[in-house]
Protein backbone atom coordinates (compact mmCIF):
# COMPACT_ATOMS: atom_id res chain seq x y z
CA UNK A 1 99.29 -28.55 -63.84
CA UNK A 2 100.69 -25.85 -66.17
CA UNK A 3 99.62 -25.07 -69.73
CA UNK A 4 101.08 -22.53 -72.17
CA UNK A 5 98.63 -21.40 -74.86
CA UNK A 6 99.28 -19.07 -77.78
CA UNK A 7 96.45 -18.26 -80.14
CA UNK A 8 96.09 -15.75 -82.96
CA UNK A 9 93.14 -13.41 -82.92
CA UNK A 10 90.65 -14.98 -85.38
CA UNK A 11 88.31 -12.03 -85.81
CA UNK A 12 86.75 -9.03 -84.18
CA UNK A 13 85.97 -9.19 -80.48
CA UNK A 14 82.52 -10.64 -79.90
CA UNK A 15 79.87 -9.11 -77.66
CA UNK A 16 80.12 -9.88 -73.95
CA UNK A 17 78.48 -13.27 -73.28
CA UNK A 18 75.38 -13.44 -71.13
CA UNK A 19 75.27 -16.27 -68.61
CA UNK A 20 77.50 -19.26 -69.31
CA UNK A 21 79.53 -19.21 -72.56
CA UNK A 22 78.05 -21.14 -75.48
CA UNK A 23 80.84 -20.73 -78.03
CA UNK A 24 84.35 -19.34 -78.55
CA UNK A 25 85.13 -16.03 -76.90
CA UNK A 26 87.56 -13.94 -78.93
CA UNK A 27 89.78 -11.04 -77.99
CA UNK A 28 91.00 -9.92 -74.61
CA UNK A 29 88.51 -11.76 -72.48
CA UNK A 30 90.01 -14.48 -70.28
CA UNK A 31 87.57 -17.00 -68.87
CA UNK A 32 87.26 -20.63 -67.90
CA UNK A 33 86.31 -23.11 -65.20
CA UNK A 34 87.83 -24.41 -61.99
CA UNK A 35 87.26 -28.07 -61.21
CA UNK A 36 88.39 -30.95 -59.04
CA UNK A 37 91.51 -32.91 -59.98
CA UNK A 38 89.68 -35.18 -62.43
CA UNK A 39 87.43 -32.43 -63.81
CA UNK A 40 84.16 -33.96 -62.59
CA UNK A 41 83.18 -31.41 -59.91
CA UNK A 42 83.09 -27.62 -60.37
CA UNK A 43 84.60 -25.69 -57.47
CA UNK A 44 83.05 -22.43 -56.30
CA UNK A 45 84.66 -19.59 -54.40
CA UNK A 46 88.13 -20.20 -55.82
CA UNK A 47 90.33 -17.10 -55.72
CA UNK A 48 91.66 -16.49 -59.24
CA UNK A 49 94.60 -14.14 -59.69
CA UNK A 50 95.63 -12.91 -63.15
CA UNK A 51 99.05 -11.33 -63.51
CA UNK A 52 101.80 -10.73 -66.04
CA UNK A 53 104.39 -13.48 -66.27
CA UNK A 54 107.19 -10.92 -66.61
CA UNK A 55 106.38 -9.32 -63.26
CA UNK A 56 104.28 -11.12 -60.64
CA UNK A 57 103.58 -7.77 -58.97
CA UNK A 58 102.44 -6.02 -62.15
CA UNK A 59 98.94 -4.87 -61.14
CA UNK A 60 97.37 -8.33 -60.72
CA UNK A 61 93.63 -8.63 -61.24
CA UNK A 62 91.51 -11.04 -59.25
CA UNK A 63 88.06 -12.60 -59.08
CA UNK A 64 86.29 -15.67 -57.65
CA UNK A 65 84.75 -18.66 -59.39
CA UNK A 66 80.96 -18.87 -59.22
CA UNK A 67 78.71 -21.80 -58.24
CA UNK A 68 79.52 -23.47 -61.58
CA UNK A 69 83.26 -22.99 -61.17
CA UNK A 70 83.20 -20.26 -63.86
CA UNK A 71 85.42 -17.16 -63.74
CA UNK A 72 85.97 -14.28 -66.17
CA UNK A 73 88.30 -11.33 -66.71
CA UNK A 74 87.37 -8.66 -69.27
CA UNK A 75 89.63 -6.22 -71.16
CA UNK A 76 92.87 -8.05 -70.42
CA UNK A 77 95.99 -6.51 -71.98
CA UNK A 78 98.05 -8.44 -74.53
CA UNK A 79 100.98 -10.54 -73.42
CA UNK A 80 102.03 -13.57 -71.40
CA UNK A 81 99.87 -14.02 -68.34
CA UNK A 82 99.70 -16.35 -65.37
CA UNK A 83 96.48 -17.51 -63.71
CA UNK A 84 96.85 -18.63 -60.11
CA UNK A 85 93.95 -20.54 -58.53
CA UNK A 86 93.67 -21.09 -54.79
CA UNK A 87 91.11 -22.24 -52.28
CA UNK A 88 91.90 -23.70 -48.88
CA UNK A 89 94.54 -26.41 -49.31
CA UNK A 90 94.12 -26.57 -53.11
CA UNK A 91 96.06 -24.83 -55.89
CA UNK A 92 96.69 -24.70 -59.62
CA UNK A 93 98.59 -22.44 -62.04
CA UNK A 94 98.04 -21.95 -65.78
CA UNK A 95 100.14 -19.83 -68.15
CA UNK A 96 98.45 -18.28 -71.20
CA UNK A 97 99.16 -15.78 -73.96
CA UNK A 98 96.59 -13.03 -74.53
CA UNK A 99 94.76 -12.59 -76.87
CA UNK A 100 93.27 -16.08 -76.54
CA UNK A 101 90.45 -17.74 -78.47
CA UNK A 102 87.97 -19.78 -76.45
CA UNK A 103 88.10 -20.75 -72.81
CA UNK A 104 91.28 -21.29 -70.86
CA UNK A 105 91.76 -25.05 -70.23
CA UNK A 106 90.05 -26.11 -67.03
CA UNK A 107 91.97 -25.46 -63.85
CA UNK A 108 92.34 -28.76 -61.95
CA UNK A 109 92.92 -28.13 -58.26
CA UNK A 110 95.52 -30.22 -56.46
CA UNK A 111 96.32 -30.37 -52.77
CA UNK A 112 99.50 -28.66 -51.63
CA UNK A 113 100.41 -31.73 -49.51
CA UNK A 114 99.00 -35.28 -49.37
CA UNK A 115 95.52 -35.92 -47.98
CA UNK A 116 94.80 -38.56 -45.34
CA UNK A 117 91.83 -40.29 -43.72
CA UNK A 118 91.05 -42.35 -40.65
CA UNK A 119 88.66 -45.23 -41.25
CA UNK A 120 85.26 -45.41 -39.53
CA UNK A 121 82.38 -47.85 -39.70
CA UNK A 122 79.71 -45.26 -40.48
CA UNK A 123 81.29 -42.76 -42.86
CA UNK A 124 83.15 -43.13 -46.14
CA UNK A 125 84.28 -39.60 -46.98
CA UNK A 126 87.31 -41.01 -48.78
CA UNK A 127 85.06 -42.39 -51.54
CA UNK A 128 83.74 -38.89 -52.27
CA UNK A 129 87.29 -37.50 -52.33
CA UNK A 130 88.58 -40.29 -54.57
CA UNK A 131 85.60 -39.72 -56.84
CA UNK A 132 86.95 -36.21 -57.47
CA UNK A 133 90.35 -37.55 -58.52
CA UNK A 134 92.36 -37.38 -55.30
CA UNK A 135 94.37 -40.03 -53.50
CA UNK A 136 94.58 -40.32 -49.71
CA UNK A 137 96.91 -41.93 -47.23
CA UNK A 138 95.24 -44.21 -44.69
CA UNK A 139 96.22 -43.35 -41.10
CA UNK A 140 96.35 -45.93 -38.31
CA UNK A 141 95.55 -45.18 -34.69
CA UNK A 142 99.27 -45.17 -33.85
CA UNK A 143 99.90 -42.51 -36.52
CA UNK A 144 98.01 -40.01 -34.36
CA UNK A 145 100.66 -40.40 -31.67
CA UNK A 146 103.24 -39.08 -34.14
CA UNK A 147 102.87 -35.35 -34.81
CA UNK A 148 105.41 -35.46 -37.63
CA UNK A 149 103.24 -37.98 -39.50
CA UNK A 150 100.17 -35.79 -39.14
CA UNK A 151 102.02 -32.73 -40.39
CA UNK A 152 102.89 -34.46 -43.66
CA UNK A 153 99.26 -33.92 -44.70
CA UNK A 154 97.23 -30.87 -45.75
CA UNK A 155 93.93 -32.32 -44.53
CA UNK A 156 93.01 -35.23 -42.28
CA UNK A 157 89.51 -36.68 -42.74
CA UNK A 158 88.25 -38.50 -39.63
CA UNK A 159 85.28 -40.75 -40.32
CA UNK A 160 82.41 -41.47 -37.95
CA UNK A 161 83.14 -44.63 -36.00
CA UNK A 162 83.62 -46.21 -32.61
CA UNK A 163 87.40 -45.66 -32.68
CA UNK A 164 87.18 -41.99 -33.69
CA UNK A 165 84.77 -41.50 -30.79
CA UNK A 166 86.62 -43.49 -28.13
CA UNK A 167 90.29 -43.79 -29.16
CA UNK A 168 91.20 -40.42 -30.68
CA UNK A 169 90.76 -38.36 -27.51
CA UNK A 170 93.78 -39.35 -25.45
CA UNK A 171 95.87 -36.51 -24.06
CA UNK A 172 98.72 -37.20 -26.50
CA UNK A 173 96.47 -37.42 -29.55
CA UNK A 174 94.43 -34.36 -28.58
CA UNK A 175 97.61 -32.33 -28.06
CA UNK A 176 99.00 -33.50 -31.40
CA UNK A 177 95.80 -32.59 -33.25
CA UNK A 178 95.69 -29.20 -31.56
CA UNK A 179 99.30 -28.53 -32.61
CA UNK A 180 98.51 -29.78 -36.12
CA UNK A 181 95.59 -27.33 -36.41
CA UNK A 182 97.65 -24.45 -35.06
CA UNK A 183 100.37 -25.26 -37.60
CA UNK A 184 97.95 -24.72 -40.48
CA UNK A 185 96.51 -28.24 -40.67
CA UNK A 186 92.88 -28.91 -41.63
CA UNK A 187 90.54 -31.53 -40.12
CA UNK A 188 87.19 -32.95 -41.22
CA UNK A 189 85.38 -34.94 -38.53
CA UNK A 190 81.92 -36.51 -38.74
CA UNK A 191 79.25 -37.61 -36.28
CA UNK A 192 80.79 -39.97 -33.69
CA UNK A 193 84.21 -38.43 -34.37
CA UNK A 194 82.88 -35.70 -32.08
CA UNK A 195 84.76 -37.64 -29.39
CA UNK A 196 87.95 -36.63 -31.17
CA UNK A 197 86.76 -33.02 -31.55
CA UNK A 198 85.88 -32.78 -27.87
CA UNK A 199 89.37 -34.00 -27.03
CA UNK A 200 90.67 -30.87 -28.78
CA UNK A 201 87.89 -28.56 -27.53
CA UNK A 202 86.65 -29.76 -24.17
CA UNK A 203 84.17 -26.85 -24.00
CA UNK A 204 82.11 -28.31 -26.86
CA UNK A 205 79.23 -30.57 -25.89
CA UNK A 206 76.88 -32.97 -27.61
CA UNK A 207 74.95 -36.16 -26.96
CA UNK A 208 74.73 -39.37 -28.97
CA UNK A 209 70.94 -39.41 -28.87
CA UNK A 210 69.80 -38.31 -32.32
CA UNK A 211 66.81 -40.36 -33.46
CA UNK A 212 66.78 -41.96 -36.88
CA UNK A 213 65.15 -39.61 -39.42
CA UNK A 214 64.78 -40.58 -43.06
CA UNK A 215 64.53 -37.01 -44.34
CA UNK A 216 65.15 -34.08 -42.00
CA UNK A 217 64.40 -30.63 -43.45
CA UNK A 218 67.51 -28.53 -42.83
CA UNK A 219 68.22 -24.83 -43.30
CA UNK A 220 71.38 -23.87 -45.15
CA UNK A 221 72.56 -20.84 -43.18
CA UNK A 222 76.07 -20.35 -44.59
CA UNK A 223 75.80 -17.97 -47.56
CA UNK A 224 78.53 -19.54 -49.70
CA UNK A 225 76.95 -22.97 -49.32
CA UNK A 226 73.53 -21.56 -50.21
CA UNK A 227 75.00 -20.11 -53.40
CA UNK A 228 76.73 -23.37 -54.30
CA UNK A 229 73.58 -25.43 -53.79
CA UNK A 230 71.25 -22.83 -55.28
CA UNK A 231 68.82 -23.33 -52.41
CA UNK A 232 68.37 -22.47 -48.74
CA UNK A 233 66.85 -25.76 -47.55
CA UNK A 234 67.88 -29.37 -48.08
CA UNK A 235 66.76 -32.79 -46.90
CA UNK A 236 69.31 -34.58 -44.73
CA UNK A 237 68.94 -38.32 -44.11
CA UNK A 238 69.75 -39.59 -40.62
CA UNK A 239 68.53 -43.16 -40.88
CA UNK A 240 71.32 -44.47 -38.68
CA UNK A 241 70.46 -44.39 -35.00
CA UNK A 242 72.41 -42.57 -32.28
CA UNK A 243 73.85 -39.75 -34.35
CA UNK A 244 75.47 -36.85 -32.50
CA UNK A 245 73.19 -34.01 -31.46
CA UNK A 246 75.12 -30.81 -30.86
CA UNK A 247 74.44 -28.86 -27.67
CA UNK A 248 72.50 -25.68 -28.55
CA UNK A 249 74.56 -23.81 -25.92
CA UNK A 250 77.90 -24.30 -27.68
CA UNK A 251 79.62 -21.10 -28.78
CA UNK A 252 78.38 -20.70 -32.36
CA UNK A 253 80.16 -17.41 -32.87
CA UNK A 254 83.40 -19.41 -32.86
CA UNK A 255 81.91 -22.57 -34.36
CA UNK A 256 80.14 -21.15 -37.42
CA UNK A 257 77.14 -23.22 -38.56
CA UNK A 258 76.74 -24.41 -42.14
CA UNK A 259 73.30 -25.95 -41.57
CA UNK A 260 70.62 -25.99 -38.87
CA UNK A 261 67.55 -28.16 -38.29
CA UNK A 262 64.62 -28.56 -35.93
CA UNK A 263 64.33 -32.05 -34.45
CA UNK A 264 63.29 -33.76 -31.22
CA UNK A 265 63.18 -30.95 -28.61
CA UNK A 266 65.65 -28.67 -30.44
CA UNK A 267 64.75 -25.73 -32.67
CA UNK A 268 66.99 -24.58 -35.52
CA UNK A 269 69.95 -26.37 -33.96
CA UNK A 270 73.34 -26.48 -35.77
CA UNK A 271 74.08 -29.77 -37.55
CA UNK A 272 77.44 -28.86 -39.13
CA UNK A 273 79.96 -26.11 -38.40
CA UNK A 274 83.46 -24.86 -39.11
CA UNK A 275 86.02 -23.28 -36.79
CA UNK A 276 88.94 -21.04 -37.78
CA UNK A 277 90.30 -19.93 -34.40
CA UNK A 278 93.71 -21.54 -35.01
CA UNK A 279 97.08 -20.09 -35.93
CA UNK A 280 98.58 -20.29 -39.43
CA UNK A 281 95.24 -20.84 -41.20
CA UNK A 282 94.22 -24.09 -39.49
CA UNK A 283 90.58 -25.10 -39.84
CA UNK A 284 88.15 -27.68 -38.46
CA UNK A 285 84.90 -28.80 -40.08
CA UNK A 286 82.53 -30.96 -38.05
CA UNK A 287 79.35 -32.47 -39.47
CA UNK A 288 76.70 -34.68 -37.88
CA UNK A 289 75.76 -36.11 -41.31
CA UNK A 290 78.10 -37.92 -43.65
CA UNK A 291 78.62 -40.30 -46.56
CA UNK A 292 76.81 -43.51 -45.74
CA UNK A 293 74.19 -45.50 -47.62
CA UNK A 294 71.62 -42.83 -46.72
CA UNK A 295 73.47 -39.98 -48.42
CA UNK A 296 71.31 -38.02 -50.88
CA UNK A 297 72.57 -36.09 -53.91
CA UNK A 298 72.35 -32.85 -51.90
CA UNK A 299 74.31 -34.41 -49.05
CA UNK A 300 77.07 -35.53 -51.42
CA UNK A 301 77.26 -32.04 -52.91
CA UNK A 302 77.52 -30.51 -49.42
CA UNK A 303 80.32 -32.92 -48.50
CA UNK A 304 82.16 -32.05 -51.72
CA UNK A 305 81.81 -28.38 -50.76
CA UNK A 306 83.29 -29.15 -47.31
CA UNK A 307 86.38 -30.71 -48.89
CA UNK A 308 87.28 -27.53 -50.78
CA UNK A 309 86.54 -25.38 -47.72
CA UNK A 310 89.53 -27.03 -46.01
């Protein structure tokens, strides 16, 4: 999405705004919001680069969007500028002319390549993604035998289900997914899809013995997620039986926890993690909770956060 905006300076530069903007901002301040493709979800932690259109290397300035998707540059010089937005697999570019009156039109992040999902009985991550304005290809089991098909996609979302547990850990599929990750691919896997994850990383362990819990108090231990949620604890619903319980002895210096919880005989045990040990920027996110009927508003917000972390 690319916009070109030219605006005449309507008056003297106003004082710097405090907090979120409540009216037009005049002069050489450049500010705006970064959102999902349909503009419904603000995206935090987006790298925003501001540079001159005439010379992409002309002393670019940069910042990050906050928990509300808001970013701001102060004291920007006059002229044609380009804003480049990037986070994980998502990008946008907007051209503007400074000075500018009011906010820059919302950045709407799009995926560099198509997204894809693998169906599962107990997760529906694709509904959350579609709700943010994205389309996804549906992968069949046989598609995982074809590395070229996998590599057409920026991110593959693997839902919790019997097939993702039992069918996606053959030698061929595991090798293909490992190559996909080490070629810069991104994978989301939930709950029973741990069978697929273990096919890639045989050293990881877990048991399908999590008891049903309607509201499990969980600690948010990843700083960026804490900032996005505005809290350090959330309630996670596990009212489906036999969810995956991660082994507390897994290497959590490589598999970085997002959230931890105390349940059954385990204390402060990881319940979701990410891994970035792959070549070319590949990344894996695994979560024991997911988008089912039990998903709370906090859970949905966490899952939206996961999408833009990939």
